[in-house]
């Protein structure tokens, strides 16, 4: 008979294995019967990622040393979350099932502890985008350093530029995802911010935001170092990802900051 500790370790490993397999997508026939299939051709996705560190010390990697850093351990876990959800952060194509699945994979990530979830509303228009920055600051300002917050805001402006340049229908919904990986006082935190913005193409002016109320949602958690070490063998079998590859692999990464004066209003 196994000891209680052995049984706990077995269940932990099972939890990770089940999570890594991802959730099976519902059958199209089922969704059609429920009336949940729709035309998503007017939808797009814009992803940005930000990494920050306050230079505080982190525990030793132990058997995870081949990763080189805890940040790359976290980036590898995020890659597995994307793979198991079928979510491609480099693509602007929107798939509602994969969009939902990735959020679920993030929220149920077995290596995260102390997960918090909440949201903040904001009223925006083509002339006023500052409320989005205020909403993001209210949600994450106490969880990241000031430099990381600046990086998040700049990344959101890159996503905005991607949305402006990405040609679609006259009216479209830009589904925005901002990933955050930051170290504060030795705590490695992973975060996910999301919102959807309605946009309209106007001749001579390009895409502009409509007058609307948006909701910025937040998921944040802390990496469980001990759990990662206990399951190092599993993590080392996954496709590794350097934290810089995670940042640079987002669809908005090559774009400049959007410089609309609306960010100041």
Protein backbone atom coordinates (compact mmCIF):
# COMPACT_ATOMS: atom_id res chain seq x y z
CA UNK A 1 0.00 0.00 0.00
CA UNK A 2 1.34 3.43 -0.92
CA UNK A 3 1.90 6.04 1.73
CA UNK A 4 -0.35 9.09 1.94
CA UNK A 5 2.44 11.25 0.53
CA UNK A 6 2.89 8.91 -2.44
CA UNK A 7 -0.85 9.00 -3.10
CA UNK A 8 -0.89 12.79 -2.97
CA UNK A 9 2.00 12.97 -5.44
CA UNK A 10 0.20 10.53 -7.76
CA UNK A 11 -2.97 12.62 -7.70
CA UNK A 12 -0.96 15.77 -8.32
CA UNK A 13 0.69 14.18 -11.34
CA UNK A 14 -2.73 13.05 -12.62
CA UNK A 15 -4.11 16.56 -12.22
CA UNK A 16 -1.24 17.94 -14.33
CA UNK A 17 -1.58 15.23 -16.99
CA UNK A 18 -5.34 15.80 -17.34
CA UNK A 19 -4.85 19.56 -17.57
CA UNK A 20 -2.08 19.20 -20.17
CA UNK A 21 -4.38 17.19 -22.43
CA UNK A 22 -6.79 20.12 -22.59
CA UNK A 23 -10.56 20.15 -22.81
CA UNK A 24 -12.14 18.44 -25.83
CA UNK A 25 -14.00 20.88 -28.03
CA UNK A 26 -17.76 20.32 -28.09
CA UNK A 27 -19.13 18.68 -31.22
CA UNK A 28 -20.30 21.13 -33.87
CA UNK A 29 -23.58 19.23 -34.06
CA UNK A 30 -24.17 19.90 -30.36
CA UNK A 31 -23.38 23.60 -30.69
CA UNK A 32 -25.64 23.90 -33.72
CA UNK A 33 -28.49 22.20 -31.87
CA UNK A 34 -28.06 24.66 -29.00
CA UNK A 35 -28.07 27.58 -31.44
CA UNK A 36 -24.56 28.65 -30.38
CA UNK A 37 -22.88 28.69 -33.79
CA UNK A 38 -22.56 32.12 -35.34
CA UNK A 39 -20.70 34.08 -38.00
CA UNK A 40 -17.38 35.16 -36.46
CA UNK A 41 -15.96 36.63 -39.67
CA UNK A 42 -16.25 40.12 -38.14
CA UNK A 43 -14.09 39.06 -35.18
CA UNK A 44 -10.31 39.25 -34.78
CA UNK A 45 -7.78 38.61 -32.04
CA UNK A 46 -4.92 40.83 -30.88
CA UNK A 47 -2.39 39.48 -28.38
CA UNK A 48 0.41 41.22 -26.51
CA UNK A 49 2.74 39.97 -23.77
CA UNK A 50 4.81 41.83 -21.19
CA UNK A 51 7.60 40.65 -18.89
CA UNK A 52 8.98 42.51 -15.87
CA UNK A 53 11.24 41.83 -12.88
CA UNK A 54 12.14 43.86 -9.82
CA UNK A 55 15.51 42.00 -9.53
CA UNK A 56 14.44 40.25 -6.31
CA UNK A 57 15.88 36.80 -5.70
CA UNK A 58 14.15 33.59 -6.73
CA UNK A 59 14.63 30.09 -5.31
CA UNK A 60 17.07 27.66 -6.88
CA UNK A 61 15.84 25.75 -9.91
CA UNK A 62 17.13 22.39 -8.70
CA UNK A 63 16.16 19.71 -11.28
CA UNK A 64 14.65 22.45 -13.45
CA UNK A 65 18.09 23.98 -14.08
CA UNK A 66 18.00 23.10 -17.83
CA UNK A 67 15.36 25.82 -18.24
CA UNK A 68 17.90 28.46 -17.21
CA UNK A 69 15.40 30.60 -15.29
CA UNK A 70 12.07 30.45 -13.49
CA UNK A 71 10.72 32.88 -16.06
CA UNK A 72 11.35 30.32 -18.80
CA UNK A 73 9.68 27.63 -16.67
CA UNK A 74 6.60 29.87 -16.51
CA UNK A 75 6.76 30.62 -20.26
CA UNK A 76 6.92 26.87 -20.97
CA UNK A 77 3.82 26.26 -18.85
CA UNK A 78 2.06 29.04 -20.77
CA UNK A 79 3.06 27.37 -24.05
CA UNK A 80 1.48 24.13 -22.83
CA UNK A 81 -1.70 26.06 -21.91
CA UNK A 82 -1.83 27.46 -25.45
CA UNK A 83 -1.12 24.10 -27.08
CA UNK A 84 -3.73 22.25 -25.01
CA UNK A 85 -6.31 24.93 -25.84
CA UNK A 86 -5.37 25.09 -29.52
CA UNK A 87 -4.76 28.82 -29.09
CA UNK A 88 -2.23 30.56 -31.37
CA UNK A 89 -0.98 33.82 -29.86
CA UNK A 90 0.71 34.79 -33.13
CA UNK A 91 -2.53 34.73 -35.15
CA UNK A 92 -5.17 37.42 -35.58
CA UNK A 93 -7.84 34.89 -36.55
CA UNK A 94 -10.58 34.51 -33.95
CA UNK A 95 -11.91 31.13 -32.85
CA UNK A 96 -14.43 31.51 -30.04
CA UNK A 97 -13.96 27.95 -28.73
CA UNK A 98 -10.18 28.28 -28.54
CA UNK A 99 -10.59 31.76 -27.03
CA UNK A 100 -12.74 30.30 -24.25
CA UNK A 101 -10.57 27.20 -23.85
CA UNK A 102 -7.37 29.20 -23.33
CA UNK A 103 -8.92 31.26 -20.57
CA UNK A 104 -10.13 28.04 -18.90
CA UNK A 105 -6.67 26.48 -19.24
CA UNK A 106 -5.11 29.56 -17.68
CA UNK A 107 -7.58 29.66 -14.81
CA UNK A 108 -7.12 25.95 -14.02
CA UNK A 109 -3.33 25.92 -14.48
CA UNK A 110 -2.16 23.42 -11.82
CA UNK A 111 1.08 25.32 -11.18
CA UNK A 112 -0.65 28.55 -10.15
CA UNK A 113 -1.61 29.46 -6.59
CA UNK A 114 -3.66 32.31 -5.10
CA UNK A 115 -5.57 32.96 -8.33
CA UNK A 116 -7.61 36.15 -8.32
CA UNK A 117 -10.29 37.07 -10.83
CA UNK A 118 -12.17 40.32 -11.27
CA UNK A 119 -13.04 42.99 -13.82
CA UNK A 120 -13.41 46.72 -14.33
CA UNK A 121 -15.64 48.65 -16.72
CA UNK A 122 -14.74 51.66 -18.87
CA UNK A 123 -16.55 53.93 -21.32
CA UNK A 124 -14.50 54.67 -24.45
CA UNK A 125 -14.82 56.34 -27.84
CA UNK A 126 -12.60 57.24 -30.76
CA UNK A 127 -11.69 60.41 -28.86
CA UNK A 128 -11.25 58.88 -25.40
CA UNK A 129 -9.20 55.74 -24.71
CA UNK A 130 -7.66 56.77 -21.39
CA UNK A 131 -10.43 54.98 -19.41
CA UNK A 132 -8.99 51.66 -20.64
CA UNK A 133 -5.59 52.58 -19.18
CA UNK A 134 -7.28 53.60 -15.92
CA UNK A 135 -9.15 50.27 -15.79
CA UNK A 136 -5.94 48.29 -16.35
CA UNK A 137 -4.09 50.36 -13.73
CA UNK A 138 -6.86 49.73 -11.20
CA UNK A 139 -6.74 45.99 -11.88
CA UNK A 140 -2.99 45.34 -11.87
CA UNK A 141 -1.32 48.42 -10.41
CA UNK A 142 -0.88 46.78 -7.03
CA UNK A 143 0.42 43.51 -8.48
CA UNK A 144 3.26 44.70 -10.71
CA UNK A 145 6.12 47.18 -10.58
CA UNK A 146 5.73 50.62 -12.15
CA UNK A 147 8.06 49.60 -15.00
CA UNK A 148 5.96 46.51 -15.70
CA UNK A 149 2.78 48.59 -15.67
CA UNK A 150 4.35 50.89 -18.26
CA UNK A 151 5.23 47.82 -20.31
CA UNK A 152 1.63 46.57 -20.11
CA UNK A 153 0.26 49.93 -21.26
CA UNK A 154 2.75 50.10 -24.15
CA UNK A 155 1.85 46.53 -25.16
CA UNK A 156 -1.85 47.44 -25.19
CA UNK A 157 -1.03 50.36 -27.48
CA UNK A 158 0.75 47.90 -29.80
CA UNK A 159 -2.36 45.72 -29.86
CA UNK A 160 -4.37 48.84 -30.71
CA UNK A 161 -2.04 49.56 -33.63
CA UNK A 162 -2.43 45.97 -34.82
CA UNK A 163 -6.23 46.41 -34.71
CA UNK A 164 -6.01 49.64 -36.70
CA UNK A 165 -3.81 48.10 -39.39
CA UNK A 166 -5.47 44.68 -39.60
CA UNK A 167 -8.00 44.98 -42.43
CA UNK A 168 -11.37 43.32 -41.97
CA UNK A 169 -15.02 44.18 -42.36
CA UNK A 170 -16.33 47.71 -42.06
CA UNK A 171 -17.36 46.91 -38.49
CA UNK A 172 -15.41 44.41 -36.44
CA UNK A 173 -14.82 43.26 -32.88
CA UNK A 174 -11.20 43.26 -31.75
CA UNK A 175 -10.74 40.67 -29.00
CA UNK A 176 -7.76 41.82 -26.95
CA UNK A 177 -5.57 39.60 -24.78
CA UNK A 178 -2.67 40.96 -22.73
CA UNK A 179 -0.39 38.44 -21.02
CA UNK A 180 1.73 39.44 -18.02
CA UNK A 181 4.71 37.68 -16.47
CA UNK A 182 6.32 39.59 -13.62
CA UNK A 183 8.50 39.07 -10.53
CA UNK A 184 7.70 41.12 -7.43
CA UNK A 185 9.47 40.47 -4.11
CA UNK A 186 10.42 36.96 -5.15
CA UNK A 187 6.88 36.13 -6.28
CA UNK A 188 6.59 35.15 -9.96
CA UNK A 189 3.13 36.23 -11.09
CA UNK A 190 1.30 35.27 -14.26
CA UNK A 191 -1.58 37.41 -15.45
CA UNK A 192 -4.16 37.58 -18.19
CA UNK A 193 -6.12 40.71 -19.18
CA UNK A 194 -8.92 40.61 -21.75
CA UNK A 195 -11.45 42.91 -23.35
CA UNK A 196 -13.37 43.27 -26.62
CA UNK A 197 -13.56 46.55 -28.53
CA UNK A 198 -16.01 47.35 -31.35
CA UNK A 199 -14.45 49.22 -34.27
CA UNK A 200 -15.69 50.78 -37.50
CA UNK A 201 -13.81 51.67 -40.67
CA UNK A 202 -14.36 55.25 -41.84
CA UNK A 203 -13.11 56.37 -45.22
CA UNK A 204 -10.10 58.65 -44.88
CA UNK A 205 -9.79 57.93 -41.16
CA UNK A 206 -9.30 54.17 -40.98
CA UNK A 207 -10.56 52.08 -38.07
CA UNK A 208 -11.92 53.92 -35.06
CA UNK A 209 -13.45 52.77 -31.79
CA UNK A 210 -17.20 53.19 -31.46
CA UNK A 211 -18.75 54.81 -28.39
CA UNK A 212 -19.10 51.84 -26.04
CA UNK A 213 -18.81 50.37 -22.58
CA UNK A 214 -16.06 47.74 -22.33
CA UNK A 215 -15.18 45.35 -19.53
CA UNK A 216 -11.54 44.56 -18.80
CA UNK A 217 -11.23 41.19 -17.03
CA UNK A 218 -8.25 40.04 -15.00
CA UNK A 219 -6.83 36.65 -13.98
CA UNK A 220 -3.68 36.61 -11.85
CA UNK A 221 -1.85 33.88 -9.96
CA UNK A 222 1.55 33.06 -8.46
CA UNK A 223 3.81 30.27 -9.68
CA UNK A 224 4.07 27.42 -7.16
CA UNK A 225 7.84 26.78 -7.15
CA UNK A 226 7.66 23.64 -5.01
CA UNK A 227 5.02 22.04 -7.20
CA UNK A 228 7.11 22.76 -10.28
CA UNK A 229 10.15 21.14 -8.70
CA UNK A 230 8.14 18.08 -7.62
CA UNK A 231 6.98 17.63 -11.21
CA UNK A 232 10.23 18.62 -12.91
CA UNK A 233 10.34 15.42 -14.97
CA UNK A 234 7.00 16.27 -16.59
CA UNK A 235 7.92 19.90 -17.24
CA UNK A 236 11.19 18.92 -18.86
CA UNK A 237 9.28 16.73 -21.32
CA UNK A 238 7.25 19.70 -22.59
CA UNK A 239 8.41 21.94 -25.43
CA UNK A 240 10.49 24.63 -23.76
CA UNK A 241 10.03 28.33 -24.36
CA UNK A 242 12.27 31.20 -23.39
CA UNK A 243 10.46 34.15 -21.80
CA UNK A 244 11.66 36.46 -24.57
CA UNK A 245 10.21 34.11 -27.19
CA UNK A 246 6.89 34.34 -25.34
CA UNK A 247 6.97 38.14 -25.47
CA UNK A 248 8.13 38.37 -29.09
CA UNK A 249 5.79 35.64 -30.33
CA UNK A 250 2.60 37.64 -29.70
CA UNK A 251 0.77 38.92 -32.77
CA UNK A 252 1.22 42.59 -31.79
CA UNK A 253 4.93 42.34 -31.02
CA UNK A 254 6.25 43.72 -34.36
CA UNK A 255 3.92 46.72 -34.30
CA UNK A 256 4.78 50.23 -33.09
CA UNK A 257 2.82 51.93 -30.33
CA UNK A 258 -0.45 53.47 -31.38
CA UNK A 259 0.00 57.22 -30.98
CA UNK A 260 -3.61 58.37 -31.06
CA UNK A 261 -4.19 61.45 -28.85
CA UNK A 262 -7.25 59.59 -27.53
CA UNK A 263 -4.97 57.79 -25.03
CA UNK A 264 -4.62 61.09 -23.18
CA UNK A 265 -8.37 61.84 -23.02
